[in-house]
Amino acid sequence: LVLTFFQAAAIWLLLKAEFLAITLVLV
């Protein structure tokens, strides 16, 4: 599940949603 969150954060970074990606990793 941790790996899943990291991959979702990477996809959000590609979509230029940096805030959501950082929030997903931190929270």
mmCIF file of all heavy atoms, coordinates in Angstrom:
data_MODEL
# 
_entry.id   MODEL 
# 
loop_
_atom_site.group_PDB 
_atom_site.id 
_atom_site.type_symbol 
_atom_site.label_atom_id 
_atom_site.label_alt_id 
_atom_site.label_comp_id 
_atom_site.label_asym_id 
_atom_site.label_entity_id 
_atom_site.label_seq_id 
_atom_site.pdbx_PDB_ins_code 
_atom_site.Cartn_x 
_atom_site.Cartn_y 
_atom_site.Cartn_z 
_atom_site.occupancy 
_atom_site.B_iso_or_equiv 
_atom_site.pdbx_formal_charge 
_atom_site.auth_seq_id 
_atom_site.auth_comp_id 
_atom_site.auth_asym_id 
_atom_site.auth_atom_id 
_atom_site.pdbx_PDB_model_num 
ATOM 1   N N   . LEU A 1 1  ? 0.831  -1.204 0.000   1.00 0.00 ? 1  LEU A N   1 
ATOM 2   C CA  . LEU A 1 1  ? 0.000  0.000  0.000   1.00 0.00 ? 1  LEU A CA  1 
ATOM 3   C C   . LEU A 1 1  ? 0.870  1.261  0.000   1.00 0.00 ? 1  LEU A C   1 
ATOM 4   O O   . LEU A 1 1  ? 0.522  2.264  -0.638  1.00 0.00 ? 1  LEU A O   1 
ATOM 5   C CB  . LEU A 1 1  ? -0.929 -0.012 1.213   1.00 0.00 ? 1  LEU A CB  1 
ATOM 6   C CG  . LEU A 1 1  ? -1.999 1.084  1.269   1.00 0.00 ? 1  LEU A CG  1 
ATOM 7   C CD1 . LEU A 1 1  ? -2.871 1.053  0.032   1.00 0.00 ? 1  LEU A CD1 1 
ATOM 8   C CD2 . LEU A 1 1  ? -2.850 0.938  2.524   1.00 0.00 ? 1  LEU A CD2 1 
ATOM 9   N N   . VAL A 1 2  ? 1.993  1.233  0.694   1.00 0.00 ? 2  VAL A N   1 
ATOM 10  C CA  . VAL A 1 2  ? 2.939  2.351  0.644   1.00 0.00 ? 2  VAL A CA  1 
ATOM 11  C C   . VAL A 1 2  ? 3.450  2.551  -0.780  1.00 0.00 ? 2  VAL A C   1 
ATOM 12  O O   . VAL A 1 2  ? 3.540  3.677  -1.288  1.00 0.00 ? 2  VAL A O   1 
ATOM 13  C CB  . VAL A 1 2  ? 4.106  2.106  1.619   1.00 0.00 ? 2  VAL A CB  1 
ATOM 14  C CG1 . VAL A 1 2  ? 5.206  3.139  1.427   1.00 0.00 ? 2  VAL A CG1 1 
ATOM 15  C CG2 . VAL A 1 2  ? 3.616  2.134  3.054   1.00 0.00 ? 2  VAL A CG2 1 
ATOM 16  N N   . LEU A 1 3  ? 3.793  1.454  -1.453  1.00 0.00 ? 3  LEU A N   1 
ATOM 17  C CA  . LEU A 1 3  ? 4.232  1.543  -2.852  1.00 0.00 ? 3  LEU A CA  1 
ATOM 18  C C   . LEU A 1 3  ? 3.131  2.113  -3.740  1.00 0.00 ? 3  LEU A C   1 
ATOM 19  O O   . LEU A 1 3  ? 3.402  2.906  -4.658  1.00 0.00 ? 3  LEU A O   1 
ATOM 20  C CB  . LEU A 1 3  ? 4.656  0.158  -3.334  1.00 0.00 ? 3  LEU A CB  1 
ATOM 21  C CG  . LEU A 1 3  ? 5.146  0.059  -4.788  1.00 0.00 ? 3  LEU A CG  1 
ATOM 22  C CD1 . LEU A 1 3  ? 6.364  0.941  -5.015  1.00 0.00 ? 3  LEU A CD1 1 
ATOM 23  C CD2 . LEU A 1 3  ? 5.450  -1.388 -5.147  1.00 0.00 ? 3  LEU A CD2 1 
ATOM 24  N N   . THR A 1 4  ? 1.885  1.737  -3.475  1.00 0.00 ? 4  THR A N   1 
ATOM 25  C CA  . THR A 1 4  ? 0.763  2.280  -4.242  1.00 0.00 ? 4  THR A CA  1 
ATOM 26  C C   . THR A 1 4  ? 0.651  3.782  -4.071  1.00 0.00 ? 4  THR A C   1 
ATOM 27  O O   . THR A 1 4  ? 0.442  4.530  -5.042  1.00 0.00 ? 4  THR A O   1 
ATOM 28  C CB  . THR A 1 4  ? -0.548 1.599  -3.795  1.00 0.00 ? 4  THR A CB  1 
ATOM 29  O OG1 . THR A 1 4  ? -0.409 0.192  -3.923  1.00 0.00 ? 4  THR A OG1 1 
ATOM 30  C CG2 . THR A 1 4  ? -1.713 2.075  -4.629  1.00 0.00 ? 4  THR A CG2 1 
ATOM 31  N N   . PHE A 1 5  ? 0.796  4.260  -2.845  1.00 0.00 ? 5  PHE A N   1 
ATOM 32  C CA  . PHE A 1 5  ? 0.729  5.699  -2.598  1.00 0.00 ? 5  PHE A CA  1 
ATOM 33  C C   . PHE A 1 5  ? 1.852  6.450  -3.311  1.00 0.00 ? 5  PHE A C   1 
ATOM 34  O O   . PHE A 1 5  ? 1.648  7.543  -3.855  1.00 0.00 ? 5  PHE A O   1 
ATOM 35  C CB  . PHE A 1 5  ? 0.782  5.971  -1.097  1.00 0.00 ? 5  PHE A CB  1 
ATOM 36  C CG  . PHE A 1 5  ? -0.480 5.599  -0.374  1.00 0.00 ? 5  PHE A CG  1 
ATOM 37  C CD1 . PHE A 1 5  ? -0.442 5.213  0.964   1.00 0.00 ? 5  PHE A CD1 1 
ATOM 38  C CD2 . PHE A 1 5  ? -1.706 5.638  -1.005  1.00 0.00 ? 5  PHE A CD2 1 
ATOM 39  C CE1 . PHE A 1 5  ? -1.603 4.866  1.635   1.00 0.00 ? 5  PHE A CE1 1 
ATOM 40  C CE2 . PHE A 1 5  ? -2.873 5.285  -0.339  1.00 0.00 ? 5  PHE A CE2 1 
ATOM 41  C CZ  . PHE A 1 5  ? -2.816 4.911  0.985   1.00 0.00 ? 5  PHE A CZ  1 
ATOM 42  N N   . PHE A 1 6  ? 3.039  5.887  -3.317  1.00 0.00 ? 6  PHE A N   1 
ATOM 43  C CA  . PHE A 1 6  ? 4.158  6.537  -3.988  1.00 0.00 ? 6  PHE A CA  1 
ATOM 44  C C   . PHE A 1 6  ? 3.911  6.629  -5.500  1.00 0.00 ? 6  PHE A C   1 
ATOM 45  O O   . PHE A 1 6  ? 4.214  7.656  -6.125  1.00 0.00 ? 6  PHE A O   1 
ATOM 46  C CB  . PHE A 1 6  ? 5.452  5.786  -3.706  1.00 0.00 ? 6  PHE A CB  1 
ATOM 47  C CG  . PHE A 1 6  ? 6.152  6.238  -2.456  1.00 0.00 ? 6  PHE A CG  1 
ATOM 48  C CD1 . PHE A 1 6  ? 6.274  5.386  -1.365  1.00 0.00 ? 6  PHE A CD1 1 
ATOM 49  C CD2 . PHE A 1 6  ? 6.685  7.517  -2.360  1.00 0.00 ? 6  PHE A CD2 1 
ATOM 50  C CE1 . PHE A 1 6  ? 6.909  5.796  -0.206  1.00 0.00 ? 6  PHE A CE1 1 
ATOM 51  C CE2 . PHE A 1 6  ? 7.320  7.935  -1.203  1.00 0.00 ? 6  PHE A CE2 1 
ATOM 52  C CZ  . PHE A 1 6  ? 7.438  7.072  -0.126  1.00 0.00 ? 6  PHE A CZ  1 
ATOM 53  N N   . GLN A 1 7  ? 3.383  5.575  -6.093  1.00 0.00 ? 7  GLN A N   1 
ATOM 54  C CA  . GLN A 1 7  ? 3.104  5.611  -7.525  1.00 0.00 ? 7  GLN A CA  1 
ATOM 55  C C   . GLN A 1 7  ? 2.003  6.621  -7.848  1.00 0.00 ? 7  GLN A C   1 
ATOM 56  O O   . GLN A 1 7  ? 2.083  7.335  -8.864  1.00 0.00 ? 7  GLN A O   1 
ATOM 57  C CB  . GLN A 1 7  ? 2.700  4.217  -8.018  1.00 0.00 ? 7  GLN A CB  1 
ATOM 58  C CG  . GLN A 1 7  ? 3.742  3.149  -7.777  1.00 0.00 ? 7  GLN A CG  1 
ATOM 59  C CD  . GLN A 1 7  ? 5.098  3.515  -8.333  1.00 0.00 ? 7  GLN A CD  1 
ATOM 60  O OE1 . GLN A 1 7  ? 5.223  3.902  -9.491  1.00 0.00 ? 7  GLN A OE1 1 
ATOM 61  N NE2 . GLN A 1 7  ? 6.130  3.386  -7.511  1.00 0.00 ? 7  GLN A NE2 1 
ATOM 62  N N   . ALA A 1 8  ? 0.982  6.703  -6.993  1.00 0.00 ? 8  ALA A N   1 
ATOM 63  C CA  . ALA A 1 8  ? -0.072 7.701  -7.206  1.00 0.00 ? 8  ALA A CA  1 
ATOM 64  C C   . ALA A 1 8  ? 0.486  9.117  -7.077  1.00 0.00 ? 8  ALA A C   1 
ATOM 65  O O   . ALA A 1 8  ? 0.112  10.016 -7.849  1.00 0.00 ? 8  ALA A O   1 
ATOM 66  C CB  . ALA A 1 8  ? -1.210 7.476  -6.211  1.00 0.00 ? 8  ALA A CB  1 
ATOM 67  N N   . ALA A 1 9  ? 1.391  9.327  -6.128  1.00 0.00 ? 9  ALA A N   1 
ATOM 68  C CA  . ALA A 1 9  ? 2.020  10.642 -5.989  1.00 0.00 ? 9  ALA A CA  1 
ATOM 69  C C   . ALA A 1 9  ? 2.862  10.993 -7.214  1.00 0.00 ? 9  ALA A C   1 
ATOM 70  O O   . ALA A 1 9  ? 2.874  12.140 -7.670  1.00 0.00 ? 9  ALA A O   1 
ATOM 71  C CB  . ALA A 1 9  ? 2.878  10.678 -4.723  1.00 0.00 ? 9  ALA A CB  1 
ATOM 72  N N   . ALA A 1 10 ? 3.550  9.994  -7.774  1.00 0.00 ? 10 ALA A N   1 
ATOM 73  C CA  . ALA A 1 10 ? 4.337  10.245 -8.983  1.00 0.00 ? 10 ALA A CA  1 
ATOM 74  C C   . ALA A 1 10 ? 3.439  10.617 -10.159 1.00 0.00 ? 10 ALA A C   1 
ATOM 75  O O   . ALA A 1 10 ? 3.769  11.508 -10.958 1.00 0.00 ? 10 ALA A O   1 
ATOM 76  C CB  . ALA A 1 10 ? 5.175  9.017  -9.307  1.00 0.00 ? 10 ALA A CB  1 
ATOM 77  N N   . ILE A 1 11 ? 2.282  9.962  -10.270 1.00 0.00 ? 11 ILE A N   1 
ATOM 78  C CA  . ILE A 1 11 ? 1.344  10.307 -11.347 1.00 0.00 ? 11 ILE A CA  1 
ATOM 79  C C   . ILE A 1 11 ? 0.807  11.715 -11.159 1.00 0.00 ? 11 ILE A C   1 
ATOM 80  O O   . ILE A 1 11 ? 0.651  12.486 -12.124 1.00 0.00 ? 11 ILE A O   1 
ATOM 81  C CB  . ILE A 1 11 ? 0.205  9.273  -11.402 1.00 0.00 ? 11 ILE A CB  1 
ATOM 82  C CG1 . ILE A 1 11 ? 0.751  7.917  -11.862 1.00 0.00 ? 11 ILE A CG1 1 
ATOM 83  C CG2 . ILE A 1 11 ? -0.906 9.724  -12.340 1.00 0.00 ? 11 ILE A CG2 1 
ATOM 84  C CD1 . ILE A 1 11 ? -0.276 6.805  -11.850 1.00 0.00 ? 11 ILE A CD1 1 
ATOM 85  N N   . TRP A 1 12 ? 0.532  12.100 -9.935  1.00 0.00 ? 12 TRP A N   1 
ATOM 86  C CA  . TRP A 1 12 ? 0.074  13.464 -9.686  1.00 0.00 ? 12 TRP A CA  1 
ATOM 87  C C   . TRP A 1 12 ? 1.154  14.490 -10.005 1.00 0.00 ? 12 TRP A C   1 
ATOM 88  O O   . TRP A 1 12 ? 0.848  15.599 -10.447 1.00 0.00 ? 12 TRP A O   1 
ATOM 89  C CB  . TRP A 1 12 ? -0.382 13.595 -8.238  1.00 0.00 ? 12 TRP A CB  1 
ATOM 90  C CG  . TRP A 1 12 ? -1.768 13.072 -8.033  1.00 0.00 ? 12 TRP A CG  1 
ATOM 91  C CD1 . TRP A 1 12 ? -2.658 12.715 -9.001  1.00 0.00 ? 12 TRP A CD1 1 
ATOM 92  C CD2 . TRP A 1 12 ? -2.417 12.838 -6.790  1.00 0.00 ? 12 TRP A CD2 1 
ATOM 93  N NE1 . TRP A 1 12 ? -3.820 12.260 -8.436  1.00 0.00 ? 12 TRP A NE1 1 
ATOM 94  C CE2 . TRP A 1 12 ? -3.705 12.335 -7.083  1.00 0.00 ? 12 TRP A CE2 1 
ATOM 95  C CE3 . TRP A 1 12 ? -2.046 12.991 -5.472  1.00 0.00 ? 12 TRP A CE3 1 
ATOM 96  C CZ2 . TRP A 1 12 ? -4.611 11.991 -6.098  1.00 0.00 ? 12 TRP A CZ2 1 
ATOM 97  C CZ3 . TRP A 1 12 ? -2.952 12.650 -4.480  1.00 0.00 ? 12 TRP A CZ3 1 
ATOM 98  C CH2 . TRP A 1 12 ? -4.212 12.166 -4.795  1.00 0.00 ? 12 TRP A CH2 1 
ATOM 99  N N   . LEU A 1 13 ? 2.400  14.138 -9.776  1.00 0.00 ? 13 LEU A N   1 
ATOM 100 C CA  . LEU A 1 13 ? 3.479  15.041 -10.173 1.00 0.00 ? 13 LEU A CA  1 
ATOM 101 C C   . LEU A 1 13 ? 3.521  15.218 -11.685 1.00 0.00 ? 13 LEU A C   1 
ATOM 102 O O   . LEU A 1 13 ? 3.779  16.326 -12.183 1.00 0.00 ? 13 LEU A O   1 
ATOM 103 C CB  . LEU A 1 13 ? 4.819  14.505 -9.666  1.00 0.00 ? 13 LEU A CB  1 
ATOM 104 C CG  . LEU A 1 13 ? 5.093  14.650 -8.166  1.00 0.00 ? 13 LEU A CG  1 
ATOM 105 C CD1 . LEU A 1 13 ? 6.409  13.973 -7.804  1.00 0.00 ? 13 LEU A CD1 1 
ATOM 106 C CD2 . LEU A 1 13 ? 5.127  16.126 -7.758  1.00 0.00 ? 13 LEU A CD2 1 
ATOM 107 N N   . LEU A 1 14 ? 3.284  14.145 -12.433 1.00 0.00 ? 14 LEU A N   1 
ATOM 108 C CA  . LEU A 1 14 ? 3.231  14.266 -13.884 1.00 0.00 ? 14 LEU A CA  1 
ATOM 109 C C   . LEU A 1 14 ? 2.062  15.140 -14.337 1.00 0.00 ? 14 LEU A C   1 
ATOM 110 O O   . LEU A 1 14 ? 2.147  15.828 -15.361 1.00 0.00 ? 14 LEU A O   1 
ATOM 111 C CB  . LEU A 1 14 ? 3.108  12.883 -14.531 1.00 0.00 ? 14 LEU A CB  1 
ATOM 112 C CG  . LEU A 1 14 ? 4.332  11.960 -14.401 1.00 0.00 ? 14 LEU A CG  1 
ATOM 113 C CD1 . LEU A 1 14 ? 4.036  10.606 -15.025 1.00 0.00 ? 14 LEU A CD1 1 
ATOM 114 C CD2 . LEU A 1 14 ? 5.554  12.589 -15.057 1.00 0.00 ? 14 LEU A CD2 1 
ATOM 115 N N   . LEU A 1 15 ? 0.984  15.115 -13.566 1.00 0.00 ? 15 LEU A N   1 
ATOM 116 C CA  . LEU A 1 15 ? -0.181 15.946 -13.889 1.00 0.00 ? 15 LEU A CA  1 
ATOM 117 C C   . LEU A 1 15 ? -0.066 17.362 -13.328 1.00 0.00 ? 15 LEU A C   1 
ATOM 118 O O   . LEU A 1 15 ? -1.040 18.123 -13.361 1.00 0.00 ? 15 LEU A O   1 
ATOM 119 C CB  . LEU A 1 15 ? -1.452 15.283 -13.351 1.00 0.00 ? 15 LEU A CB  1 
ATOM 120 C CG  . LEU A 1 15 ? -1.797 13.914 -13.943 1.00 0.00 ? 15 LEU A CG  1 
ATOM 121 C CD1 . LEU A 1 15 ? -3.019 13.326 -13.265 1.00 0.00 ? 15 LEU A CD1 1 
ATOM 122 C CD2 . LEU A 1 15 ? -2.034 14.026 -15.446 1.00 0.00 ? 15 LEU A CD2 1 
ATOM 123 N N   . LYS A 1 16 ? 1.111  17.714 -12.781 1.00 0.00 ? 16 LYS A N   1 
ATOM 124 C CA  . LYS A 1 16 ? 1.390  19.040 -12.225 1.00 0.00 ? 16 LYS A CA  1 
ATOM 125 C C   . LYS A 1 16 ? 0.502  19.357 -11.024 1.00 0.00 ? 16 LYS A C   1 
ATOM 126 O O   . LYS A 1 16 ? 0.100  20.508 -10.828 1.00 0.00 ? 16 LYS A O   1 
ATOM 127 C CB  . LYS A 1 16 ? 1.242  20.123 -13.296 1.00 0.00 ? 16 LYS A CB  1 
ATOM 128 C CG  . LYS A 1 16 ? 2.251  19.979 -14.436 1.00 0.00 ? 16 LYS A CG  1 
ATOM 129 C CD  . LYS A 1 16 ? 2.100  21.097 -15.460 1.00 0.00 ? 16 LYS A CD  1 
ATOM 130 C CE  . LYS A 1 16 ? 3.126  20.940 -16.574 1.00 0.00 ? 16 LYS A CE  1 
ATOM 131 N NZ  . LYS A 1 16 ? 3.007  22.025 -17.584 1.00 0.00 ? 16 LYS A NZ  1 
ATOM 132 N N   . ALA A 1 17 ? 0.187  18.348 -10.246 1.00 0.00 ? 17 ALA A N   1 
ATOM 133 C CA  . ALA A 1 17 ? -0.538 18.530 -8.981  1.00 0.00 ? 17 ALA A CA  1 
ATOM 134 C C   . ALA A 1 17 ? 0.435  18.267 -7.842  1.00 0.00 ? 17 ALA A C   1 
ATOM 135 O O   . ALA A 1 17 ? 0.342  17.262 -7.132  1.00 0.00 ? 17 ALA A O   1 
ATOM 136 C CB  . ALA A 1 17 ? -1.749 17.610 -8.914  1.00 0.00 ? 17 ALA A CB  1 
ATOM 137 N N   . GLU A 1 18 ? 1.391  19.167 -7.681  1.00 0.00 ? 18 GLU A N   1 
ATOM 138 C CA  . GLU A 1 18 ? 2.468  18.955 -6.719  1.00 0.00 ? 18 GLU A CA  1 
ATOM 139 C C   . GLU A 1 18 ? 1.967  18.943 -5.282  1.00 0.00 ? 18 GLU A C   1 
ATOM 140 O O   . GLU A 1 18 ? 2.437  18.164 -4.451  1.00 0.00 ? 18 GLU A O   1 
ATOM 141 C CB  . GLU A 1 18 ? 3.546  20.041 -6.878  1.00 0.00 ? 18 GLU A CB  1 
ATOM 142 C CG  . GLU A 1 18 ? 4.219  20.067 -8.235  1.00 0.00 ? 18 GLU A CG  1 
ATOM 143 C CD  . GLU A 1 18 ? 3.452  20.911 -9.225  1.00 0.00 ? 18 GLU A CD  1 
ATOM 144 O OE1 . GLU A 1 18 ? 2.416  21.481 -8.829  1.00 0.00 ? 18 GLU A OE1 1 
ATOM 145 O OE2 . GLU A 1 18 ? 3.881  20.990 -10.393 1.00 0.00 ? 18 GLU A OE2 1 
ATOM 146 N N   . PHE A 1 19 ? 0.998  19.791 -4.995  1.00 0.00 ? 19 PHE A N   1 
ATOM 147 C CA  . PHE A 1 19 ? 0.492  19.874 -3.621  1.00 0.00 ? 19 PHE A CA  1 
ATOM 148 C C   . PHE A 1 19 ? -0.174 18.566 -3.204  1.00 0.00 ? 19 PHE A C   1 
ATOM 149 O O   . PHE A 1 19 ? 0.051  18.060 -2.093  1.00 0.00 ? 19 PHE A O   1 
ATOM 150 C CB  . PHE A 1 19 ? -0.496 21.035 -3.508  1.00 0.00 ? 19 PHE A CB  1 
ATOM 151 C CG  . PHE A 1 19 ? -1.117 21.167 -2.145  1.00 0.00 ? 19 PHE A CG  1 
ATOM 152 C CD1 . PHE A 1 19 ? -0.406 21.719 -1.096  1.00 0.00 ? 19 PHE A CD1 1 
ATOM 153 C CD2 . PHE A 1 19 ? -2.407 20.727 -1.914  1.00 0.00 ? 19 PHE A CD2 1 
ATOM 154 C CE1 . PHE A 1 19 ? -0.974 21.836 0.156   1.00 0.00 ? 19 PHE A CE1 1 
ATOM 155 C CE2 . PHE A 1 19 ? -2.982 20.835 -0.663  1.00 0.00 ? 19 PHE A CE2 1 
ATOM 156 C CZ  . PHE A 1 19 ? -2.253 21.393 0.377   1.00 0.00 ? 19 PHE A CZ  1 
ATOM 157 N N   . LEU A 1 20 ? -0.993 18.005 -4.083  1.00 0.00 ? 20 LEU A N   1 
ATOM 158 C CA  . LEU A 1 20 ? -1.650 16.742 -3.751  1.00 0.00 ? 20 LEU A CA  1 
ATOM 159 C C   . LEU A 1 20 ? -0.640 15.609 -3.611  1.00 0.00 ? 20 LEU A C   1 
ATOM 160 O O   . LEU A 1 20 ? -0.789 14.740 -2.747  1.00 0.00 ? 20 LEU A O   1 
ATOM 161 C CB  . LEU A 1 20 ? -2.678 16.399 -4.831  1.00 0.00 ? 20 LEU A CB  1 
ATOM 162 C CG  . LEU A 1 20 ? -3.875 17.345 -4.954  1.00 0.00 ? 20 LEU A CG  1 
ATOM 163 C CD1 . LEU A 1 20 ? -4.767 16.912 -6.102  1.00 0.00 ? 20 LEU A CD1 1 
ATOM 164 C CD2 . LEU A 1 20 ? -4.667 17.397 -3.663  1.00 0.00 ? 20 LEU A CD2 1 
ATOM 165 N N   . ALA A 1 21 ? 0.392  15.603 -4.450  1.00 0.00 ? 21 ALA A N   1 
ATOM 166 C CA  . ALA A 1 21 ? 1.408  14.549 -4.367  1.00 0.00 ? 21 ALA A CA  1 
ATOM 167 C C   . ALA A 1 21 ? 2.166  14.619 -3.044  1.00 0.00 ? 21 ALA A C   1 
ATOM 168 O O   . ALA A 1 21 ? 2.366  13.605 -2.367  1.00 0.00 ? 21 ALA A O   1 
ATOM 169 C CB  . ALA A 1 21 ? 2.367  14.671 -5.549  1.00 0.00 ? 21 ALA A CB  1 
ATOM 170 N N   . ILE A 1 22 ? 2.577  15.822 -2.653  1.00 0.00 ? 22 ILE A N   1 
ATOM 171 C CA  . ILE A 1 22 ? 3.312  15.972 -1.394  1.00 0.00 ? 22 ILE A CA  1 
ATOM 172 C C   . ILE A 1 22 ? 2.414  15.649 -0.205  1.00 0.00 ? 22 ILE A C   1 
ATOM 173 O O   . ILE A 1 22 ? 2.840  15.007 0.763   1.00 0.00 ? 22 ILE A O   1 
ATOM 174 C CB  . ILE A 1 22 ? 3.879  17.399 -1.289  1.00 0.00 ? 22 ILE A CB  1 
ATOM 175 C CG1 . ILE A 1 22 ? 4.917  17.627 -2.393  1.00 0.00 ? 22 ILE A CG1 1 
ATOM 176 C CG2 . ILE A 1 22 ? 4.503  17.641 0.078   1.00 0.00 ? 22 ILE A CG2 1 
ATOM 177 C CD1 . ILE A 1 22 ? 5.439  19.039 -2.454  1.00 0.00 ? 22 ILE A CD1 1 
ATOM 178 N N   . THR A 1 23 ? 1.145  16.056 -0.277  1.00 0.00 ? 23 THR A N   1 
ATOM 179 C CA  . THR A 1 23 ? 0.211  15.758 0.809   1.00 0.00 ? 23 THR A CA  1 
ATOM 180 C C   . THR A 1 23 ? -0.006 14.251 0.947   1.00 0.00 ? 23 THR A C   1 
ATOM 181 O O   . THR A 1 23 ? -0.070 13.720 2.063   1.00 0.00 ? 23 THR A O   1 
ATOM 182 C CB  . THR A 1 23 ? -1.133 16.455 0.554   1.00 0.00 ? 23 THR A CB  1 
ATOM 183 O OG1 . THR A 1 23 ? -0.914 17.850 0.406   1.00 0.00 ? 23 THR A OG1 1 
ATOM 184 C CG2 . THR A 1 23 ? -2.091 16.212 1.706   1.00 0.00 ? 23 THR A CG2 1 
ATOM 185 N N   . LEU A 1 24 ? -0.101 13.553 -0.170  1.00 0.00 ? 24 LEU A N   1 
ATOM 186 C CA  . LEU A 1 24 ? -0.288 12.102 -0.130  1.00 0.00 ? 24 LEU A CA  1 
ATOM 187 C C   . LEU A 1 24 ? 0.905  11.408 0.535   1.00 0.00 ? 24 LEU A C   1 
ATOM 188 O O   . LEU A 1 24 ? 0.734  10.517 1.369   1.00 0.00 ? 24 LEU A O   1 
ATOM 189 C CB  . LEU A 1 24 ? -0.487 11.565 -1.540  1.00 0.00 ? 24 LEU A CB  1 
ATOM 190 C CG  . LEU A 1 24 ? -0.656 10.054 -1.684  1.00 0.00 ? 24 LEU A CG  1 
ATOM 191 C CD1 . LEU A 1 24 ? -1.919 9.600  -0.968  1.00 0.00 ? 24 LEU A CD1 1 
ATOM 192 C CD2 . LEU A 1 24 ? -0.700 9.644  -3.137  1.00 0.00 ? 24 LEU A CD2 1 
ATOM 193 N N   . VAL A 1 25 ? 2.111  11.846 0.186   1.00 0.00 ? 25 VAL A N   1 
ATOM 194 C CA  . VAL A 1 25 ? 3.301  11.218 0.757   1.00 0.00 ? 25 VAL A CA  1 
ATOM 195 C C   . VAL A 1 25 ? 3.434  11.546 2.237   1.00 0.00 ? 25 VAL A C   1 
ATOM 196 O O   . VAL A 1 25 ? 3.706  10.662 3.065   1.00 0.00 ? 25 VAL A O   1 
ATOM 197 C CB  . VAL A 1 25 ? 4.554  11.662 -0.023  1.00 0.00 ? 25 VAL A CB  1 
ATOM 198 C CG1 . VAL A 1 25 ? 5.818  11.167 0.667   1.00 0.00 ? 25 VAL A CG1 1 
ATOM 199 C CG2 . VAL A 1 25 ? 4.499  11.140 -1.454  1.00 0.00 ? 25 VAL A CG2 1 
ATOM 200 N N   . LEU A 1 26 ? 3.217  12.799 2.615   1.00 0.00 ? 26 LEU A N   1 
ATOM 201 C CA  . LEU A 1 26 ? 3.423  13.203 4.007   1.00 0.00 ? 26 LEU A CA  1 
ATOM 202 C C   . LEU A 1 26 ? 2.344  12.640 4.929   1.00 0.00 ? 26 LEU A C   1 
ATOM 203 O O   . LEU A 1 26 ? 2.642  12.139 6.020   1.00 0.00 ? 26 LEU A O   1 
ATOM 204 C CB  . LEU A 1 26 ? 3.456  14.727 4.112   1.00 0.00 ? 26 LEU A CB  1 
ATOM 205 C CG  . LEU A 1 26 ? 4.639  15.432 3.463   1.00 0.00 ? 26 LEU A CG  1 
ATOM 206 C CD1 . LEU A 1 26 ? 4.533  16.942 3.642   1.00 0.00 ? 26 LEU A CD1 1 
ATOM 207 C CD2 . LEU A 1 26 ? 5.955  14.928 4.038   1.00 0.00 ? 26 LEU A CD2 1 
ATOM 208 N N   . VAL A 1 27 ? 1.092  12.720 4.504   1.00 0.00 ? 27 VAL A N   1 
ATOM 209 C CA  . VAL A 1 27 ? -0.010 12.334 5.388   1.00 0.00 ? 27 VAL A CA  1 
ATOM 210 C C   . VAL A 1 27 ? -0.183 10.815 5.417   1.00 0.00 ? 27 VAL A C   1 
ATOM 211 O O   . VAL A 1 27 ? -0.153 10.184 6.484   1.00 0.00 ? 27 VAL A O   1 
ATOM 212 C CB  . VAL A 1 27 ? -1.316 13.025 4.952   1.00 0.00 ? 27 VAL A CB  1 
ATOM 213 C CG1 . VAL A 1 27 ? -2.487 12.532 5.797   1.00 0.00 ? 27 VAL A CG1 1 
ATOM 214 C CG2 . VAL A 1 27 ? -1.174 14.530 5.077   1.00 0.00 ? 27 VAL A CG2 1 
# 
